[in-house]
C-alpha atoms as a PDB file:
ATOM      1  CA  MET A   1      98.029 101.638 155.227  1.00  0.00           C
ATOM      2  CA  SER A   2      98.045 103.600 152.370  1.00  0.00           C
ATOM      3  CA  LYS A   3      96.726 107.391 152.154  1.00  0.00           C
ATOM      4  CA  ALA A   4      93.125 107.775 151.035  1.00  0.00           C
ATOM      5  CA  ILE A   5      93.033 109.105 147.115  1.00  0.00           C
ATOM      6  CA  SER A   6      91.050 112.109 146.976  1.00  0.00           C
ATOM      7  CA  VAL A   7      88.339 111.780 143.957  1.00  0.00           C
ATOM      8  CA  PRO A   8      86.900 114.777 142.274  1.00  0.00           C
ATOM      9  CA  THR A   9      83.455 115.504 142.567  1.00  0.00           C
ATOM     10  CA  VAL A  10      81.254 116.861 139.446  1.00  0.00           C
ATOM     11  CA  VAL A  11      79.335 120.248 140.024  1.00  0.00           C
ATOM     12  CA  ALA A  12      75.873 120.686 139.144  1.00  0.00           C
ATOM     13  CA  ASP A  13      76.592 124.345 137.893  1.00  0.00           C
ATOM     14  CA  SER A  14      74.171 126.421 135.935  1.00  0.00           C
ATOM     15  CA  VAL A  15      75.728 125.983 132.866  1.00  0.00           C
ATOM     16  CA  LEU A  16      75.565 121.868 133.169  1.00  0.00           C
ATOM     17  CA  LYS A  17      71.902 122.175 134.153  1.00  0.00           C
ATOM     18  CA  ASN A  18      71.364 123.938 131.242  1.00  0.00           C
ATOM     19  CA  ARG A  19      72.962 121.471 129.058  1.00  0.00           C
ATOM     20  CA  LEU A  20      70.947 119.294 130.750  1.00  0.00           C
ATOM     21  CA  LEU A  21      67.911 120.821 129.760  1.00  0.00           C
ATOM     22  CA  GLU A  22      68.582 121.195 126.434  1.00  0.00           C
ATOM     23  CA  THR A  23      69.376 117.918 125.887  1.00  0.00           C
ATOM     24  CA  ILE A  24      66.069 116.232 127.489  1.00  0.00           C
ATOM     25  CA  PRO A  25      63.797 116.828 123.972  1.00  0.00           C
ATOM     26  CA  LEU A  26      66.737 114.656 122.390  1.00  0.00           C
ATOM     27  CA  PHE A  27      65.631 111.693 123.548  1.00  0.00           C
ATOM     28  CA  ALA A  28      62.027 111.742 121.655  1.00  0.00           C
ATOM     29  CA  GLY A  29      62.644 108.685 119.069  1.00  0.00           C
ATOM     30  CA  LYS A  30      65.471 107.432 120.482  1.00  0.00           C
ATOM     31  CA  LYS A  31      65.364 103.801 120.719  1.00  0.00           C
ATOM     32  CA  ILE A  32      66.380 101.331 123.357  1.00  0.00           C
ATOM     33  CA  LEU A  33      66.530  97.394 123.458  1.00  0.00           C
ATOM     34  CA  ILE A  34      65.816  96.241 126.944  1.00  0.00           C
ATOM     35  CA  LEU A  35      66.685  92.918 127.645  1.00  0.00           C
ATOM     36  CA  GLY A  36      65.473  90.828 130.816  1.00  0.00           C
ATOM     37  CA  ASP A  37      63.101  89.279 133.243  1.00  0.00           C
ATOM     38  CA  ILE A  38      60.247  91.120 133.662  1.00  0.00           C
ATOM     39  CA  GLY A  39      57.352  91.046 136.655  1.00  0.00           C
ATOM     40  CA  LEU A  40      54.358  91.986 137.837  1.00  0.00           C
ATOM     41  CA  ASP A  41      54.151  93.830 141.134  1.00  0.00           C
ATOM     42  CA  GLU A  42      51.057  93.549 143.040  1.00  0.00           C
ATOM     43  CA  TYR A  43      49.723  95.201 146.271  1.00  0.00           C
ATOM     44  CA  ILE A  44      47.168  94.333 148.327  1.00  0.00           C
ATOM     45  CA  MET A  45      46.613  96.899 151.199  1.00  0.00           C
ATOM     46  CA  GLY A  46      44.168  97.268 154.040  1.00  0.00           C
ATOM     47  CA  GLU A  47      43.577  97.226 157.648  1.00  0.00           C
ATOM     48  CA  VAL A  48      44.046  94.011 160.331  1.00  0.00           C
ATOM     49  CA  ARG A  49      41.401  94.461 162.795  1.00  0.00           C
ATOM     50  CA  ARG A  50      41.094  90.565 164.235  1.00  0.00           C
ATOM     51  CA  ILE A  51      42.419  87.218 164.295  1.00  0.00           C
ATOM     52  CA  SER A  52      41.026  84.587 162.188  1.00  0.00           C
ATOM     53  CA  PRO A  53      38.171  82.240 164.033  1.00  0.00           C
ATOM     54  CA  GLU A  54      39.925  79.503 161.566  1.00  0.00           C
ATOM     55  CA  ALA A  55      43.825  79.693 162.321  1.00  0.00           C
ATOM     56  CA  PRO A  56      46.231  82.205 164.455  1.00  0.00           C
ATOM     57  CA  VAL A  57      46.771  84.564 161.284  1.00  0.00           C
ATOM     58  CA  PRO A  58      45.803  87.952 160.708  1.00  0.00           C
ATOM     59  CA  VAL A  59      42.791  89.073 158.512  1.00  0.00           C
ATOM     60  CA  LEU A  60      43.455  91.660 156.324  1.00  0.00           C
ATOM     61  CA  GLU A  61      40.081  93.754 155.310  1.00  0.00           C
ATOM     62  CA  VAL A  62      41.542  95.084 152.171  1.00  0.00           C
ATOM     63  CA  GLU A  63      40.721  98.906 151.439  1.00  0.00           C
ATOM     64  CA  LYS A  64      43.074  98.831 148.098  1.00  0.00           C
ATOM     65  CA  GLU A  65      44.781  97.113 145.478  1.00  0.00           C
ATOM     66  CA  ASP A  66      47.216  98.163 143.083  1.00  0.00           C
ATOM     67  CA  MET A  67      49.653  96.493 140.061  1.00  0.00           C
ATOM     68  CA  ARG A  68      52.792  97.747 138.840  1.00  0.00           C
ATOM     69  CA  LEU A  69      55.212  96.605 136.232  1.00  0.00           C
ATOM     70  CA  GLY A  70      58.427  95.374 137.805  1.00  0.00           C
ATOM     71  CA  LEU A  71      61.599  94.595 136.615  1.00  0.00           C
ATOM     72  CA  ALA A  72      62.783  95.402 133.113  1.00  0.00           C
ATOM     73  CA  GLY A  73      59.669  96.419 132.758  1.00  0.00           C
ATOM     74  CA  ASN A  74      59.849  99.367 134.883  1.00  0.00           C
ATOM     75  CA  VAL A  75      62.904 100.393 133.028  1.00  0.00           C
ATOM     76  CA  ALA A  76      61.093 100.012 129.675  1.00  0.00           C
ATOM     77  CA  GLN A  77      58.138 102.424 131.093  1.00  0.00           C
ATOM     78  CA  ASN A  78      60.997 104.734 132.559  1.00  0.00           C
ATOM     79  CA  VAL A  79      62.435 105.046 128.898  1.00  0.00           C
ATOM     80  CA  ARG A  80      59.103 105.515 127.862  1.00  0.00           C
ATOM     81  CA  SER A  81      58.305 108.445 130.054  1.00  0.00           C
ATOM     82  CA  LEU A  82      61.382 110.253 129.499  1.00  0.00           C
ATOM     83  CA  GLY A  83      60.614 110.132 126.230  1.00  0.00           C
ATOM     84  CA  GLY A  84      62.226 107.461 124.660  1.00  0.00           C
ATOM     85  CA  ASN A  85      61.014 104.327 122.359  1.00  0.00           C
ATOM     86  CA  PRO A  86      61.972 101.238 124.186  1.00  0.00           C
ATOM     87  CA  ILE A  87      61.789  97.909 122.819  1.00  0.00           C
ATOM     88  CA  LEU A  88      61.043  95.214 125.494  1.00  0.00           C
ATOM     89  CA  VAL A  89      62.280  91.719 124.867  1.00  0.00           C
ATOM     90  CA  SER A  90      61.314  89.176 127.889  1.00  0.00           C
ATOM     91  CA  VAL A  91      59.393  86.102 128.545  1.00  0.00           C
ATOM     92  CA  VAL A  92      55.988  85.488 130.057  1.00  0.00           C
ATOM     93  CA  GLY A  93      53.502  82.570 130.454  1.00  0.00           C
ATOM     94  CA  LYS A  94      50.441  81.876 128.863  1.00  0.00           C
ATOM     95  CA  ASP A  95      48.192  82.984 132.041  1.00  0.00           C
ATOM     96  CA  THR A  96      46.453  85.665 134.569  1.00  0.00           C
ATOM     97  CA  GLY A  97      49.916  87.409 134.936  1.00  0.00           C
ATOM     98  CA  ALA A  98      50.814  87.840 131.412  1.00  0.00           C
ATOM     99  CA  ASP A  99      47.381  89.159 130.780  1.00  0.00           C
ATOM    100  CA  LEU A 100      47.700  91.698 133.389  1.00  0.00           C
ATOM    101  CA  LEU A 101      51.168  92.800 132.153  1.00  0.00           C
ATOM    102  CA  ASN A 102      50.461  93.216 128.849  1.00  0.00           C
ATOM    103  CA  SER A 103      47.196  95.637 130.056  1.00  0.00           C
ATOM    104  CA  LEU A 104      49.899  97.518 131.930  1.00  0.00           C
ATOM    105  CA  LEU A 105      52.648  97.734 129.730  1.00  0.00           C
ATOM    106  CA  LYS A 106      50.406  99.207 126.454  1.00  0.00           C
ATOM    107  CA  GLN A 107      48.664 101.853 129.663  1.00  0.00           C
ATOM    108  CA  SER A 108      52.593 102.718 129.654  1.00  0.00           C
ATOM    109  CA  GLY A 109      53.116 102.978 126.136  1.00  0.00           C
ATOM    110  CA  VAL A 110      55.248  99.668 126.159  1.00  0.00           C
ATOM    111  CA  SER A 111      54.858  97.225 123.025  1.00  0.00           C
ATOM    112  CA  THR A 112      54.315  93.738 123.746  1.00  0.00           C
ATOM    113  CA  ASP A 113      55.378  92.610 120.544  1.00  0.00           C
ATOM    114  CA  TYR A 114      58.456  91.636 121.388  1.00  0.00           C
ATOM    115  CA  LEU A 115      57.404  89.512 124.510  1.00  0.00           C
ATOM    116  CA  VAL A 116      58.340  85.845 124.133  1.00  0.00           C
ATOM    117  CA  VAL A 117      55.245  83.248 125.677  1.00  0.00           C
ATOM    118  CA  ASP A 118      56.508  80.142 127.212  1.00  0.00           C
ATOM    119  CA  PRO A 119      53.388  78.379 128.418  1.00  0.00           C
ATOM    120  CA  ALA A 120      55.921  75.729 130.305  1.00  0.00           C
ATOM    121  CA  ARG A 121      57.064  79.016 132.767  1.00  0.00           C
ATOM    122  CA  PRO A 122      54.883  81.440 134.546  1.00  0.00           C
ATOM    123  CA  THR A 123      54.851  85.116 134.542  1.00  0.00           C
ATOM    124  CA  THR A 124      56.957  86.827 137.305  1.00  0.00           C
ATOM    125  CA  ARG A 125      54.278  88.196 139.595  1.00  0.00           C
ATOM    126  CA  LYS A 126      55.226  89.432 143.568  1.00  0.00           C
ATOM    127  CA  ALA A 127      51.933  90.106 145.629  1.00  0.00           C
ATOM    128  CA  ARG A 128      53.121  91.728 148.681  1.00  0.00           C
ATOM    129  CA  VAL A 129      50.311  91.658 151.499  1.00  0.00           C
ATOM    130  CA  MET A 130      49.935  94.758 153.498  1.00  0.00           C
ATOM    131  CA  ALA A 131      48.853  96.245 156.901  1.00  0.00           C
ATOM    132  CA  LYS A 132      49.614 100.240 156.042  1.00  0.00           C
ATOM    133  CA  HIS A 133      53.308 100.293 155.821  1.00  0.00           C
ATOM    134  CA  HIS A 134      53.682  96.593 157.270  1.00  0.00           C
ATOM    135  CA  HIS A 135      54.370  93.802 155.084  1.00  0.00           C
ATOM    136  CA  LEU A 136      52.653  90.383 156.161  1.00  0.00           C
ATOM    137  CA  VAL A 137      53.179  88.321 153.413  1.00  0.00           C
ATOM    138  CA  ARG A 138      54.217  88.532 149.748  1.00  0.00           C
ATOM    139  CA  VAL A 139      53.447  85.655 147.931  1.00  0.00           C
ATOM    140  CA  ASP A 140      55.651  84.831 144.699  1.00  0.00           C
ATOM    141  CA  TYR A 141      55.009  83.284 141.514  1.00  0.00           C
ATOM    142  CA  GLU A 142      57.904  82.403 139.531  1.00  0.00           C
ATOM    143  CA  ILE A 143      60.574  79.729 137.955  1.00  0.00           C
ATOM    144  CA  ARG A 144      64.053  80.834 138.782  1.00  0.00           C
ATOM    145  CA  ARG A 145      65.629  78.752 136.024  1.00  0.00           C
ATOM    146  CA  TYR A 146      66.989  79.276 132.591  1.00  0.00           C
ATOM    147  CA  LEU A 147      65.167  79.312 129.432  1.00  0.00           C
ATOM    148  CA  SER A 148      64.677  76.359 127.682  1.00  0.00           C
ATOM    149  CA  PRO A 149      66.932  76.012 124.350  1.00  0.00           C
ATOM    150  CA  GLU A 150      63.764  76.677 122.271  1.00  0.00           C
ATOM    151  CA  THR A 151      63.064  80.071 123.768  1.00  0.00           C
ATOM    152  CA  GLU A 152      66.488  81.020 124.159  1.00  0.00           C
ATOM    153  CA  GLN A 153      66.462  80.878 120.505  1.00  0.00           C
ATOM    154  CA  LYS A 154      63.245  82.749 119.799  1.00  0.00           C
ATOM    155  CA  VAL A 155      64.841  85.347 122.182  1.00  0.00           C
ATOM    156  CA  ILE A 156      67.936  85.858 120.376  1.00  0.00           C
ATOM    157  CA  ALA A 157      66.209  85.891 117.027  1.00  0.00           C
ATOM    158  CA  ILE A 158      64.166  88.934 118.265  1.00  0.00           C
ATOM    159  CA  CYS A 159      66.891  90.353 119.447  1.00  0.00           C
ATOM    160  CA  ASP A 160      68.692  90.147 116.209  1.00  0.00           C
ATOM    161  CA  GLN A 161      65.640  91.785 114.128  1.00  0.00           C
ATOM    162  CA  ALA A 162      65.603  94.593 116.601  1.00  0.00           C
ATOM    163  CA  LEU A 163      69.343  95.324 116.643  1.00  0.00           C
ATOM    164  CA  ASP A 164      69.317  97.186 113.169  1.00  0.00           C
ATOM    165  CA  GLN A 165      66.748  99.970 114.751  1.00  0.00           C
ATOM    166  CA  VAL A 166      67.866 100.648 118.334  1.00  0.00           C
ATOM    167  CA  ASP A 167      70.385 103.519 119.584  1.00  0.00           C
ATOM    168  CA  ALA A 168      71.464 101.305 122.280  1.00  0.00           C
ATOM    169  CA  VAL A 169      71.012  97.433 124.382  1.00  0.00           C
ATOM    170  CA  ILE A 170      70.170  97.344 127.739  1.00  0.00           C
ATOM    171  CA  VAL A 171      70.898  94.059 129.975  1.00  0.00           C
ATOM    172  CA  GLU A 172      68.569  94.037 132.559  1.00  0.00           C
ATOM    173  CA  ASP A 173      69.809  90.497 135.123  1.00  0.00           C
ATOM    174  CA  TYR A 174      67.446  89.722 138.189  1.00  0.00           C
ATOM    175  CA  ALA A 175      68.501  86.140 137.947  1.00  0.00           C
ATOM    176  CA  LYS A 176      64.996  85.235 137.269  1.00  0.00           C
ATOM    177  CA  GLY A 177      66.082  82.958 134.008  1.00  0.00           C
ATOM    178  CA  VAL A 178      65.923  85.514 130.889  1.00  0.00           C
ATOM    179  CA  ILE A 179      69.718  86.220 131.244  1.00  0.00           C
ATOM    180  CA  THR A 180      71.995  82.917 130.551  1.00  0.00           C
ATOM    181  CA  GLN A 181      75.428  83.428 129.288  1.00  0.00           C
ATOM    182  CA  PRO A 182      75.458  81.958 126.303  1.00  0.00           C
ATOM    183  CA  LEU A 183      72.541  84.016 125.551  1.00  0.00           C
ATOM    184  CA  GLN A 184      73.978  87.195 126.718  1.00  0.00           C
ATOM    185  CA  GLN A 185      77.695  86.647 124.970  1.00  0.00           C
ATOM    186  CA  LYS A 186      75.155  86.518 121.894  1.00  0.00           C
ATOM    187  CA  ILE A 187      73.556  89.620 122.381  1.00  0.00           C
ATOM    188  CA  ILE A 188      77.167  91.448 122.745  1.00  0.00           C
ATOM    189  CA  GLN A 189      78.440  90.095 119.743  1.00  0.00           C
ATOM    190  CA  MET A 190      75.833  91.107 117.700  1.00  0.00           C
ATOM    191  CA  ALA A 191      75.441  94.574 119.184  1.00  0.00           C
ATOM    192  CA  HIS A 192      79.023  95.035 118.618  1.00  0.00           C
ATOM    193  CA  ALA A 193      79.192  93.937 115.108  1.00  0.00           C
ATOM    194  CA  LYS A 194      76.080  96.690 114.538  1.00  0.00           C
ATOM    195  CA  LYS A 195      78.262  99.063 116.410  1.00  0.00           C
ATOM    196  CA  LYS A 196      75.593  98.978 119.423  1.00  0.00           C
ATOM    197  CA  LYS A 197      77.112  99.483 122.880  1.00  0.00           C
ATOM    198  CA  VAL A 198      75.814  97.177 125.928  1.00  0.00           C
ATOM    199  CA  TYR A 199      74.638  98.853 129.225  1.00  0.00           C
ATOM    200  CA  LEU A 200      74.146  96.038 132.090  1.00  0.00           C
ATOM    201  CA  ASP A 201      72.437  95.975 135.584  1.00  0.00           C
ATOM    202  CA  PRO A 202      73.742  93.044 136.751  1.00  0.00           C
ATOM    203  CA  HIS A 203      72.483  90.651 139.593  1.00  0.00           C
ATOM    204  CA  ARG A 204      75.511  89.415 142.549  1.00  0.00           C
ATOM    205  CA  SER A 205      74.182  86.444 142.129  1.00  0.00           C
ATOM    206  CA  ASN A 206      76.651  86.005 139.438  1.00  0.00           C
ATOM    207  CA  PRO A 207      80.704  86.205 138.813  1.00  0.00           C
ATOM    208  CA  GLY A 208      81.756  88.868 137.427  1.00  0.00           C
ATOM    209  CA  GLU A 209      82.904  86.515 134.132  1.00  0.00           C
ATOM    210  CA  PHE A 210      79.481  86.040 133.876  1.00  0.00           C
ATOM    211  CA  TYR A 211      78.803  89.635 132.421  1.00  0.00           C
ATOM    212  CA  HIS A 212      82.454  89.854 130.476  1.00  0.00           C
ATOM    213  CA  GLY A 213      82.243  91.962 127.187  1.00  0.00           C
ATOM    214  CA  VAL A 214      79.748  94.710 128.079  1.00  0.00           C
ATOM    215  CA  ASP A 215      80.628  98.316 128.094  1.00  0.00           C
ATOM    216  CA  LEU A 216      79.227  99.523 131.075  1.00  0.00           C
ATOM    217  CA  ILE A 217      78.248  98.054 133.875  1.00  0.00           C
ATOM    218  CA  LYS A 218      76.291  99.659 137.136  1.00  0.00           C
ATOM    219  CA  PRO A 219      76.536  97.842 140.192  1.00  0.00           C
ATOM    220  CA  ASN A 220      75.389  98.826 143.364  1.00  0.00           C
ATOM    221  CA  PHE A 221      78.385  99.136 146.220  1.00  0.00           C
ATOM    222  CA  ASP A 222      77.473  95.370 147.400  1.00  0.00           C
ATOM    223  CA  GLU A 223      76.865  93.795 143.856  1.00  0.00           C
ATOM    224  CA  ALA A 224      80.496  95.753 142.943  1.00  0.00           C
ATOM    225  CA  VAL A 225      82.217  94.031 145.655  1.00  0.00           C
ATOM    226  CA  ILE A 226      80.844  90.102 145.021  1.00  0.00           C
ATOM    227  CA  LEU A 227      81.131  90.672 141.250  1.00  0.00           C
ATOM    228  CA  SER A 228      84.945  91.604 141.430  1.00  0.00           C
ATOM    229  CA  GLY A 229      85.589  88.725 143.324  1.00  0.00           C
ATOM    230  CA  LEU A 230      87.057  90.897 146.208  1.00  0.00           C
ATOM    231  CA  SER A 231      86.991  90.476 150.275  1.00  0.00           C
ATOM    232  CA  TYR A 232      84.711  92.717 152.887  1.00  0.00           C
ATOM    233  CA  ASP A 233      87.613  91.804 155.417  1.00  0.00           C
ATOM    234  CA  ASP A 234      90.349  92.662 152.764  1.00  0.00           C
ATOM    235  CA  LEU A 235      88.199  96.270 152.335  1.00  0.00           C
ATOM    236  CA  ARG A 236      87.374  96.547 155.575  1.00  0.00           C
ATOM    237  CA  ASP A 237      89.582  99.159 156.808  1.00  0.00           C
ATOM    238  CA  HIS A 238      91.003  99.692 153.190  1.00  0.00           C
ATOM    239  CA  PRO A 239      91.242 103.992 152.851  1.00  0.00           C
ATOM    240  CA  ASN A 240      90.445 103.467 148.948  1.00  0.00           C
ATOM    241  CA  LYS A 241      88.078 100.336 148.852  1.00  0.00           C
ATOM    242  CA  VAL A 242      85.288 102.211 146.553  1.00  0.00           C
ATOM    243  CA  ILE A 243      88.413 102.808 144.515  1.00  0.00           C
ATOM    244  CA  GLU A 244      89.672  99.077 144.468  1.00  0.00           C
ATOM    245  CA  VAL A 245      86.148  97.867 144.028  1.00  0.00           C
ATOM    246  CA  GLY A 246      85.711  99.554 140.743  1.00  0.00           C
ATOM    247  CA  GLN A 247      88.827  98.931 139.436  1.00  0.00           C
ATOM    248  CA  ALA A 248      89.076  95.139 140.221  1.00  0.00           C
ATOM    249  CA  LEU A 249      85.298  95.200 138.744  1.00  0.00           C
ATOM    250  CA  GLN A 250      86.635  96.777 135.360  1.00  0.00           C
ATOM    251  CA  LYS A 251      89.434  94.222 135.039  1.00  0.00           C
ATOM    252  CA  LYS A 252      86.805  90.988 136.024  1.00  0.00           C
ATOM    253  CA  VAL A 253      84.086  92.381 133.747  1.00  0.00           C
ATOM    254  CA  GLY A 254      86.477  93.859 130.995  1.00  0.00           C
ATOM    255  CA  ALA A 255      83.748  96.581 130.535  1.00  0.00           C
ATOM    256  CA  SER A 256      85.834 100.280 130.019  1.00  0.00           C
ATOM    257  CA  GLU A 257      83.054 102.066 131.821  1.00  0.00           C
ATOM    258  CA  VAL A 258      81.835 101.330 135.700  1.00  0.00           C
ATOM    259  CA  VAL A 259      78.889 103.579 136.845  1.00  0.00           C
ATOM    260  CA  LEU A 260      79.217 102.249 140.899  1.00  0.00           C
ATOM    261  CA  THR A 261      75.943 103.622 142.591  1.00  0.00           C
ATOM    262  CA  ARG A 262      76.143 104.589 146.488  1.00  0.00           C
ATOM    263  CA  GLY A 263      72.967 106.191 147.555  1.00  0.00           C
ATOM    264  CA  LYS A 264      73.471 108.937 149.695  1.00  0.00           C
ATOM    265  CA  ASP A 265      76.618 108.695 148.569  1.00  0.00           C
ATOM    266  CA  GLY A 266      76.165 109.038 144.776  1.00  0.00           C
ATOM    267  CA  MET A 267      77.683 107.587 141.953  1.00  0.00           C
ATOM    268  CA  THR A 268      81.246 106.783 141.738  1.00  0.00           C
ATOM    269  CA  ILE A 269      82.253 106.719 138.041  1.00  0.00           C
ATOM    270  CA  PHE A 270      85.413 104.689 136.404  1.00  0.00           C
ATOM    271  CA  SER A 271      85.948 105.862 132.781  1.00  0.00           C
ATOM    272  CA  GLY A 272      89.405 104.077 131.785  1.00  0.00           C
ATOM    273  CA  GLU A 273      92.017 105.155 134.382  1.00  0.00           C
ATOM    274  CA  LYS A 274      89.563 108.275 135.764  1.00  0.00           C
ATOM    275  CA  VAL A 275      87.480 108.286 138.614  1.00  0.00           C
ATOM    276  CA  VAL A 276      84.988 110.905 139.343  1.00  0.00           C
ATOM    277  CA  GLN A 277      82.524 111.188 142.180  1.00  0.00           C
ATOM    278  CA  VAL A 278      78.461 112.645 141.419  1.00  0.00           C
ATOM    279  CA  PRO A 279      76.275 113.174 144.090  1.00  0.00           C
ATOM    280  CA  THR A 280      73.266 112.661 145.071  1.00  0.00           C
ATOM    281  CA  PHE A 281      70.197 115.154 144.660  1.00  0.00           C
ATOM    282  CA  ALA A 282      67.768 113.826 146.523  1.00  0.00           C
ATOM    283  CA  ARG A 283      65.716 116.022 148.674  1.00  0.00           C
ATOM    284  CA  GLN A 284      64.229 113.326 150.167  1.00  0.00           C
ATOM    285  CA  VAL A 285      63.959 109.618 150.344  1.00  0.00           C
ATOM    286  CA  PHE A 286      60.526 108.257 150.592  1.00  0.00           C
ATOM    287  CA  ASP A 287      60.866 105.003 148.605  1.00  0.00           C
ATOM    288  CA  VAL A 288      64.004 103.427 147.187  1.00  0.00           C
ATOM    289  CA  THR A 289      62.483 100.577 144.854  1.00  0.00           C
ATOM    290  CA  GLY A 290      63.009 100.853 141.252  1.00  0.00           C
ATOM    291  CA  ALA A 291      65.302 103.549 141.585  1.00  0.00           C
ATOM    292  CA  GLY A 292      68.083 101.832 140.047  1.00  0.00           C
ATOM    293  CA  ASP A 293      65.368 100.970 137.266  1.00  0.00           C
ATOM    294  CA  THR A 294      65.464 104.764 136.269  1.00  0.00           C
ATOM    295  CA  VAL A 295      68.805 105.646 136.781  1.00  0.00           C
ATOM    296  CA  ILE A 296      69.754 103.250 133.584  1.00  0.00           C
ATOM    297  CA  ALA A 297      67.213 104.098 131.960  1.00  0.00           C
ATOM    298  CA  ALA A 298      68.107 107.954 132.201  1.00  0.00           C
ATOM    299  CA  LEU A 299      71.422 106.854 131.933  1.00  0.00           C
ATOM    300  CA  VAL A 300      71.299 105.369 128.744  1.00  0.00           C
ATOM    301  CA  LEU A 301      69.302 108.326 127.060  1.00  0.00           C
ATOM    302  CA  GLY A 302      71.745 110.869 128.261  1.00  0.00           C
ATOM    303  CA  LEU A 303      74.516 108.643 126.591  1.00  0.00           C
ATOM    304  CA  VAL A 304      73.077 108.234 122.610  1.00  0.00           C
ATOM    305  CA  SER A 305      71.806 111.731 122.909  1.00  0.00           C
ATOM    306  CA  GLY A 306      75.073 113.549 122.752  1.00  0.00           C
ATOM    307  CA  LEU A 307      75.705 113.344 126.342  1.00  0.00           C
ATOM    308  CA  ASN A 308      79.094 112.382 128.240  1.00  0.00           C
ATOM    309  CA  LEU A 309      78.927 109.869 130.974  1.00  0.00           C
ATOM    310  CA  GLN A 310      79.211 112.466 133.759  1.00  0.00           C
ATOM    311  CA  GLU A 311      76.475 114.271 132.629  1.00  0.00           C
ATOM    312  CA  SER A 312      74.349 111.427 131.864  1.00  0.00           C
ATOM    313  CA  CYS A 313      75.286 110.147 135.625  1.00  0.00           C
ATOM    314  CA  MET A 314      74.036 113.594 136.607  1.00  0.00           C
ATOM    315  CA  LEU A 315      71.159 113.492 134.871  1.00  0.00           C
ATOM    316  CA  ALA A 316      70.350 109.936 135.991  1.00  0.00           C
ATOM    317  CA  ASN A 317      70.637 111.307 139.571  1.00  0.00           C
ATOM    318  CA  TYR A 318      68.504 113.781 139.278  1.00  0.00           C
ATOM    319  CA  ALA A 319      65.814 111.321 137.925  1.00  0.00           C
ATOM    320  CA  ALA A 320      66.673 109.184 140.742  1.00  0.00           C
ATOM    321  CA  GLY A 321      65.562 111.709 143.301  1.00  0.00           C
ATOM    322  CA  VAL A 322      62.881 112.108 141.359  1.00  0.00           C
ATOM    323  CA  VAL A 323      61.073 108.433 141.927  1.00  0.00           C
ATOM    324  CA  VAL A 324      62.449 107.916 145.932  1.00  0.00           C
ATOM    325  CA  GLY A 325      60.639 111.243 146.585  1.00  0.00           C
ATOM    326  CA  GLN A 326      57.698 109.036 146.431  1.00  0.00           C
ATOM    327  CA  ILE A 327      56.406 105.627 147.117  1.00  0.00           C
ATOM    328  CA  GLY A 328      56.399 102.629 145.379  1.00  0.00           C
ATOM    329  CA  CYS A 329      58.147 101.751 142.041  1.00  0.00           C
ATOM    330  CA  VAL A 330      56.924 104.556 139.429  1.00  0.00           C
ATOM    331  CA  PRO A 331      58.775 106.494 136.185  1.00  0.00           C
ATOM    332  CA  CYS A 332      60.400 108.926 135.922  1.00  0.00           C
ATOM    333  CA  HIS A 333      58.414 112.076 133.658  1.00  0.00           C
ATOM    334  CA  ILE A 334      60.197 114.577 131.740  1.00  0.00           C
ATOM    335  CA  ASP A 335      58.399 117.259 133.129  1.00  0.00           C
ATOM    336  CA  GLU A 336      58.752 116.024 136.968  1.00  0.00           C
ATOM    337  CA  LEU A 337      62.851 116.005 135.541  1.00  0.00           C
ATOM    338  CA  LYS A 338      62.707 119.352 134.214  1.00  0.00           C
ATOM    339  CA  SER A 339      61.267 120.796 137.191  1.00  0.00           C
ATOM    340  CA  TYR A 340      63.699 119.031 139.401  1.00  0.00           C
ATOM    341  CA  ILE A 341      66.582 120.158 137.630  1.00  0.00           C
ATOM    342  CA  GLN A 342      65.326 123.723 137.891  1.00  0.00           C
ATOM    343  CA  ASN A 343      64.529 123.922 141.445  1.00  0.00           C
ATOM    344  CA  THR A 344      67.473 121.350 142.670  1.00  0.00           C
END
């Protein structure tokens, strides 16, 4: 068996912290095109004190209801809360879910002008019925199939118009049907023609070749193994399995850069032939929901504001540290991020 390779870890010293703090104000006015599946997260919470006389099921006495932006909507609200200007391109239905989603987007300062309405598809909604912190049931409103050719052409036309005014593109694939391979390849082609980079948050249900041509891909470790085409059995006792997975994914996708998120182990960055480790900065973890959305929003804002990839990943890990210390899918705000960097 080969020896384990030592990967250098970036240190968050005072010089780096000051550079991050000085860069955050530059996020203002940066325009990021966000393309992907959008959804509405609903929470119905209360107490269960009895069983229904109509059927052997618990009766939830509702105490609170909450609605939050999900999927690419959460990425967009993170870009906005960090000072950037998100241009959110997605597809919604002509239904109550779309009305609720539009209301939340407007409250978050995210424009709804770039959403395509397709009456043949329901707006993705996930309603979680909960007794305290215990899930009783989840109700999904969605159709997991690719867009019709007509709807896909509308999405492409909107992206084409928006590309002239943006600093970068984020593609968010949650496998709900908005991201098809032809659509993605067309967006990559158009973006590169206009000298704009494409940053991708992938889904494990697609092979690595599906995402060929993006400039940077940000999977977690399990997603990276599947996307790379490697086997868990082959990697089980491999001392350099993280490095092998990341480099295999680089080749498979053709991306010069891979940011592999690893939870409590931080991030491993692959940039060309260089491999670097970035630590996590989470002081306490209550809920990791939506943390990946915060990471890619902060990461891309850092890159378009002059930070290099290592610095941007450090910034993104600080932002993730803010949101995992809270319950539910919440955005990271500028003041919270500054305070967290200064005090961590």
